[in-house]
PDB file of N, CA and C in Angstrom:
ATOM      1  N   UNK A   1       2.015  34.165-162.219  1.00  0.00           N
ATOM      2  CA  UNK A   1       1.940  32.730-162.469  1.00  0.00           C
ATOM      3  C   UNK A   1       3.128  32.056-161.791  1.00  0.00           C
ATOM      4  N   UNK A   2       2.909  30.843-161.355  1.00  0.00           N
ATOM      5  CA  UNK A   2       3.963  30.052-160.728  1.00  0.00           C
ATOM      6  C   UNK A   2       4.280  28.850-161.609  1.00  0.00           C
ATOM      7  N   UNK A   3       5.507  28.792-162.139  1.00  0.00           N
ATOM      8  CA  UNK A   3       6.009  27.617-162.849  1.00  0.00           C
ATOM      9  C   UNK A   3       5.175  27.289-164.102  1.00  0.00           C
ATOM     10  N   UNK A   4       4.676  28.304-164.784  1.00  0.00           N
ATOM     11  CA  UNK A   4       3.892  28.108-166.004  1.00  0.00           C
ATOM     12  C   UNK A   4       4.451  29.011-167.096  1.00  0.00           C
ATOM     13  N   UNK A   5       4.777  28.428-168.243  1.00  0.00           N
ATOM     14  CA  UNK A   5       5.187  29.200-169.413  1.00  0.00           C
ATOM     15  C   UNK A   5       4.214  28.894-170.538  1.00  0.00           C
ATOM     16  N   UNK A   6       3.728  29.947-171.192  1.00  0.00           N
ATOM     17  CA  UNK A   6       2.803  29.771-172.310  1.00  0.00           C
ATOM     18  C   UNK A   6       3.410  30.386-173.560  1.00  0.00           C
ATOM     19  N   UNK A   7       3.209  29.723-174.696  1.00  0.00           N
ATOM     20  CA  UNK A   7       3.616  30.286-175.976  1.00  0.00           C
ATOM     21  C   UNK A   7       2.592  29.883-177.025  1.00  0.00           C
ATOM     22  N   UNK A   8       2.470  30.721-178.050  1.00  0.00           N
ATOM     23  CA  UNK A   8       1.522  30.469-179.131  1.00  0.00           C
ATOM     24  C   UNK A   8       2.270  30.485-180.450  1.00  0.00           C
ATOM     25  N   UNK A   9       2.057  29.440-181.237  1.00  0.00           N
ATOM     26  CA  UNK A   9       2.589  29.373-182.598  1.00  0.00           C
ATOM     27  C   UNK A   9       1.402  29.101-183.507  1.00  0.00           C
ATOM     28  N   UNK A  10       1.038  30.092-184.318  1.00  0.00           N
ATOM     29  CA  UNK A  10      -0.160  29.950-185.141  1.00  0.00           C
ATOM     30  C   UNK A  10      -1.370  29.879-184.232  1.00  0.00           C
ATOM     31  N   UNK A  11      -2.104  28.792-184.330  1.00  0.00           N
ATOM     32  CA  UNK A  11      -3.280  28.586-183.484  1.00  0.00           C
ATOM     33  C   UNK A  11      -3.048  27.525-182.417  1.00  0.00           C
ATOM     34  N   UNK A  12      -1.779  27.228-182.121  1.00  0.00           N
ATOM     35  CA  UNK A  12      -1.453  26.196-181.134  1.00  0.00           C
ATOM     36  C   UNK A  12      -0.867  26.843-179.879  1.00  0.00           C
ATOM     37  N   UNK A  13      -1.523  26.587-178.734  1.00  0.00           N
ATOM     38  CA  UNK A  13      -1.038  27.040-177.433  1.00  0.00           C
ATOM     39  C   UNK A  13      -0.208  25.925-176.815  1.00  0.00           C
ATOM     40  N   UNK A  14       1.004  26.261-176.375  1.00  0.00           N
ATOM     41  CA  UNK A  14       1.857  25.306-175.675  1.00  0.00           C
ATOM     42  C   UNK A  14       2.072  25.811-174.254  1.00  0.00           C
ATOM     43  N   UNK A  15       1.851  24.923-173.286  1.00  0.00           N
ATOM     44  CA  UNK A  15       2.033  25.256-171.879  1.00  0.00           C
ATOM     45  C   UNK A  15       3.147  24.368-171.336  1.00  0.00           C
ATOM     46  N   UNK A  16       4.153  24.994-170.711  1.00  0.00           N
ATOM     47  CA  UNK A  16       5.259  24.244-170.123  1.00  0.00           C
ATOM     48  C   UNK A  16       5.227  24.382-168.613  1.00  0.00           C
ATOM     49  N   UNK A  17       5.339  23.232-167.917  1.00  0.00           N
ATOM     50  CA  UNK A  17       5.371  23.171-166.461  1.00  0.00           C
ATOM     51  C   UNK A  17       6.507  22.234-166.063  1.00  0.00           C
ATOM     52  N   UNK A  18       7.365  22.689-165.154  1.00  0.00           N
ATOM     53  CA  UNK A  18       8.439  21.848-164.623  1.00  0.00           C
ATOM     54  C   UNK A  18       7.859  21.022-163.472  1.00  0.00           C
ATOM     55  N   UNK A  19       7.664  19.725-163.705  1.00  0.00           N
ATOM     56  CA  UNK A  19       7.019  18.862-162.708  1.00  0.00           C
ATOM     57  C   UNK A  19       7.911  18.541-161.515  1.00  0.00           C
ATOM     58  N   UNK A  20       9.174  18.979-161.529  1.00  0.00           N
ATOM     59  CA  UNK A  20      10.058  18.743-160.388  1.00  0.00           C
ATOM     60  C   UNK A  20       9.932  19.829-159.323  1.00  0.00           C
ATOM     61  N   UNK A  21       9.271  20.935-159.639  1.00  0.00           N
ATOM     62  CA  UNK A  21       9.137  22.039-158.681  1.00  0.00           C
ATOM     63  C   UNK A  21       7.910  21.847-157.792  1.00  0.00           C
ATOM     64  N   UNK A  22       7.984  22.421-156.592  1.00  0.00           N
ATOM     65  CA  UNK A  22       6.862  22.416-155.657  1.00  0.00           C
ATOM     66  C   UNK A  22       6.766  23.778-155.006  1.00  0.00           C
ATOM     67  N   UNK A  23       5.533  24.213-154.709  1.00  0.00           N
ATOM     68  CA  UNK A  23       5.314  25.500-154.058  1.00  0.00           C
ATOM     69  C   UNK A  23       4.595  25.337-152.732  1.00  0.00           C
ATOM     70  N   UNK A  24       4.700  24.154-152.137  1.00  0.00           N
ATOM     71  CA  UNK A  24       4.114  23.923-150.828  1.00  0.00           C
ATOM     72  C   UNK A  24       2.687  23.425-150.887  1.00  0.00           C
ATOM     73  N   UNK A  25       2.092  23.246-149.716  1.00  0.00           N
ATOM     74  CA  UNK A  25       0.742  22.687-149.652  1.00  0.00           C
ATOM     75  C   UNK A  25      -0.323  23.692-150.070  1.00  0.00           C
ATOM     76  N   UNK A  26      -1.447  23.158-150.526  1.00  0.00           N
ATOM     77  CA  UNK A  26      -2.620  23.988-150.809  1.00  0.00           C
ATOM     78  C   UNK A  26      -3.176  24.497-149.485  1.00  0.00           C
ATOM     79  N   UNK A  27      -4.154  25.380-149.556  1.00  0.00           N
ATOM     80  CA  UNK A  27      -4.727  25.924-148.323  1.00  0.00           C
ATOM     81  C   UNK A  27      -5.383  24.848-147.468  1.00  0.00           C
ATOM     82  N   UNK A  28      -5.922  23.790-148.105  1.00  0.00           N
ATOM     83  CA  UNK A  28      -6.533  22.699-147.336  1.00  0.00           C
ATOM     84  C   UNK A  28      -5.487  21.726-146.799  1.00  0.00           C
ATOM     85  N   UNK A  29      -4.294  21.735-147.402  1.00  0.00           N
ATOM     86  CA  UNK A  29      -3.234  20.828-146.985  1.00  0.00           C
ATOM     87  C   UNK A  29      -3.337  19.440-147.597  1.00  0.00           C
ATOM     88  N   UNK A  30      -4.317  19.219-148.449  1.00  0.00           N
ATOM     89  CA  UNK A  30      -4.514  17.899-149.047  1.00  0.00           C
ATOM     90  C   UNK A  30      -3.643  17.662-150.273  1.00  0.00           C
ATOM     91  N   UNK A  31      -3.165  18.740-150.886  1.00  0.00           N
ATOM     92  CA  UNK A  31      -2.357  18.613-152.104  1.00  0.00           C
ATOM     93  C   UNK A  31      -1.124  19.502-152.028  1.00  0.00           C
ATOM     94  N   UNK A  32      -0.135  19.172-152.856  1.00  0.00           N
ATOM     95  CA  UNK A  32       1.072  19.974-153.015  1.00  0.00           C
ATOM     96  C   UNK A  32       0.959  20.695-154.357  1.00  0.00           C
ATOM     97  N   UNK A  33       1.119  21.998-154.344  1.00  0.00           N
ATOM     98  CA  UNK A  33       1.008  22.794-155.570  1.00  0.00           C
ATOM     99  C   UNK A  33       2.302  22.700-156.366  1.00  0.00           C
ATOM    100  N   UNK A  34       2.186  22.369-157.639  1.00  0.00           N
ATOM    101  CA  UNK A  34       3.331  22.276-158.546  1.00  0.00           C
ATOM    102  C   UNK A  34       3.367  23.483-159.485  1.00  0.00           C
ATOM    103  N   UNK A  35       2.206  23.909-159.958  1.00  0.00           N
ATOM    104  CA  UNK A  35       2.134  25.068-160.857  1.00  0.00           C
ATOM    105  C   UNK A  35       0.731  25.647-160.814  1.00  0.00           C
ATOM    106  N   UNK A  36       0.648  26.952-161.093  1.00  0.00           N
ATOM    107  CA  UNK A  36      -0.667  27.600-161.122  1.00  0.00           C
ATOM    108  C   UNK A  36      -0.597  28.895-161.914  1.00  0.00           C
ATOM    109  N   UNK A  37      -1.661  29.178-162.643  1.00  0.00           N
ATOM    110  CA  UNK A  37      -1.779  30.482-163.275  1.00  0.00           C
ATOM    111  C   UNK A  37      -2.325  31.502-162.277  1.00  0.00           C
ATOM    112  N   UNK A  38      -2.710  31.047-161.087  1.00  0.00           N
ATOM    113  CA  UNK A  38      -3.255  31.895-160.021  1.00  0.00           C
ATOM    114  C   UNK A  38      -4.459  32.681-160.533  1.00  0.00           C
ATOM    115  N   UNK A  39      -5.411  31.950-161.077  1.00  0.00           N
ATOM    116  CA  UNK A  39      -6.600  32.555-161.669  1.00  0.00           C
ATOM    117  C   UNK A  39      -6.511  32.490-163.182  1.00  0.00           C
ATOM    118  N   UNK A  40      -7.456  33.104-163.843  1.00  0.00           N
ATOM    119  CA  UNK A  40      -7.462  33.092-165.303  1.00  0.00           C
ATOM    120  C   UNK A  40      -6.503  34.141-165.846  1.00  0.00           C
ATOM    121  N   UNK A  41      -5.685  33.739-166.812  1.00  0.00           N
ATOM    122  CA  UNK A  41      -4.698  34.629-167.412  1.00  0.00           C
ATOM    123  C   UNK A  41      -4.908  34.696-168.917  1.00  0.00           C
ATOM    124  N   UNK A  42      -4.667  35.866-169.488  1.00  0.00           N
ATOM    125  CA  UNK A  42      -4.771  36.030-170.934  1.00  0.00           C
ATOM    126  C   UNK A  42      -3.652  35.277-171.628  1.00  0.00           C
ATOM    127  N   UNK A  43      -3.986  34.659-172.739  1.00  0.00           N
ATOM    128  CA  UNK A  43      -2.982  34.001-173.572  1.00  0.00           C
ATOM    129  C   UNK A  43      -2.282  35.089-174.373  1.00  0.00           C
ATOM    130  N   UNK A  44      -0.935  35.059-174.447  1.00  0.00           N
ATOM    131  CA  UNK A  44      -0.203  36.135-175.130  1.00  0.00           C
ATOM    132  C   UNK A  44      -0.744  36.414-176.540  1.00  0.00           C
ATOM    133  N   UNK A  45      -1.060  37.684-176.776  1.00  0.00           N
ATOM    134  CA  UNK A  45      -1.504  38.172-178.081  1.00  0.00           C
ATOM    135  C   UNK A  45      -2.787  37.506-178.590  1.00  0.00           C
ATOM    136  N   UNK A  46      -3.638  37.032-177.673  1.00  0.00           N
ATOM    137  CA  UNK A  46      -4.915  36.396-178.029  1.00  0.00           C
ATOM    138  C   UNK A  46      -5.998  36.936-177.110  1.00  0.00           C
ATOM    139  N   UNK A  47      -7.262  36.684-177.448  1.00  0.00           N
ATOM    140  CA  UNK A  47      -8.346  37.114-176.579  1.00  0.00           C
ATOM    141  C   UNK A  47      -8.781  36.007-175.617  1.00  0.00           C
ATOM    142  N   UNK A  48      -8.347  34.764-175.860  1.00  0.00           N
ATOM    143  CA  UNK A  48      -8.695  33.650-174.976  1.00  0.00           C
ATOM    144  C   UNK A  48      -7.931  33.762-173.652  1.00  0.00           C
ATOM    145  N   UNK A  49      -8.481  33.079-172.658  1.00  0.00           N
ATOM    146  CA  UNK A  49      -7.843  33.029-171.343  1.00  0.00           C
ATOM    147  C   UNK A  49      -7.679  31.571-170.921  1.00  0.00           C
ATOM    148  N   UNK A  50      -6.753  31.340-169.988  1.00  0.00           N
ATOM    149  CA  UNK A  50      -6.522  29.990-169.477  1.00  0.00           C
ATOM    150  C   UNK A  50      -6.415  30.046-167.955  1.00  0.00           C
ATOM    151  N   UNK A  51      -6.967  29.024-167.293  1.00  0.00           N
ATOM    152  CA  UNK A  51      -6.828  28.840-165.856  1.00  0.00           C
ATOM    153  C   UNK A  51      -6.263  27.451-165.627  1.00  0.00           C
ATOM    154  N   UNK A  52      -5.149  27.356-164.910  1.00  0.00           N
ATOM    155  CA  UNK A  52      -4.453  26.074-164.768  1.00  0.00           C
ATOM    156  C   UNK A  52      -3.968  25.884-163.339  1.00  0.00           C
ATOM    157  N   UNK A  53      -4.180  24.678-162.808  1.00  0.00           N
ATOM    158  CA  UNK A  53      -3.603  24.250-161.539  1.00  0.00           C
ATOM    159  C   UNK A  53      -3.026  22.858-161.737  1.00  0.00           C
ATOM    160  N   UNK A  54      -1.780  22.677-161.332  1.00  0.00           N
ATOM    161  CA  UNK A  54      -1.149  21.359-161.378  1.00  0.00           C
ATOM    162  C   UNK A  54      -0.754  21.038-159.941  1.00  0.00           C
ATOM    163  N   UNK A  55      -1.181  19.848-159.467  1.00  0.00           N
ATOM    164  CA  UNK A  55      -0.918  19.489-158.071  1.00  0.00           C
ATOM    165  C   UNK A  55      -0.876  17.970-157.943  1.00  0.00           C
ATOM    166  N   UNK A  56      -0.393  17.517-156.787  1.00  0.00           N
ATOM    167  CA  UNK A  56      -0.407  16.085-156.465  1.00  0.00           C
ATOM    168  C   UNK A  56      -0.874  15.929-155.025  1.00  0.00           C
ATOM    169  N   UNK A  57      -1.298  14.732-154.690  1.00  0.00           N
ATOM    170  CA  UNK A  57      -1.736  14.463-153.325  1.00  0.00           C
ATOM    171  C   UNK A  57      -0.564  14.642-152.364  1.00  0.00           C
ATOM    172  N   UNK A  58      -0.868  15.166-151.185  1.00  0.00           N
ATOM    173  CA  UNK A  58       0.162  15.402-150.164  1.00  0.00           C
ATOM    174  C   UNK A  58       0.524  14.107-149.481  1.00  0.00           C
TER     175      UNK A  58
END
């Protein structure tokens, strides 16, 4: 994962992303990648999964 932190308290999932970071352009070049789970990732100690992409226009 890039720039993504996940934590679970009870039944609440919290996702933290630092919006000041950048990881360069997407493959199309239309957006700048800020954070990504790079596919679906398991939530710690749960059976659910999450897929996340955070980006802005280039």
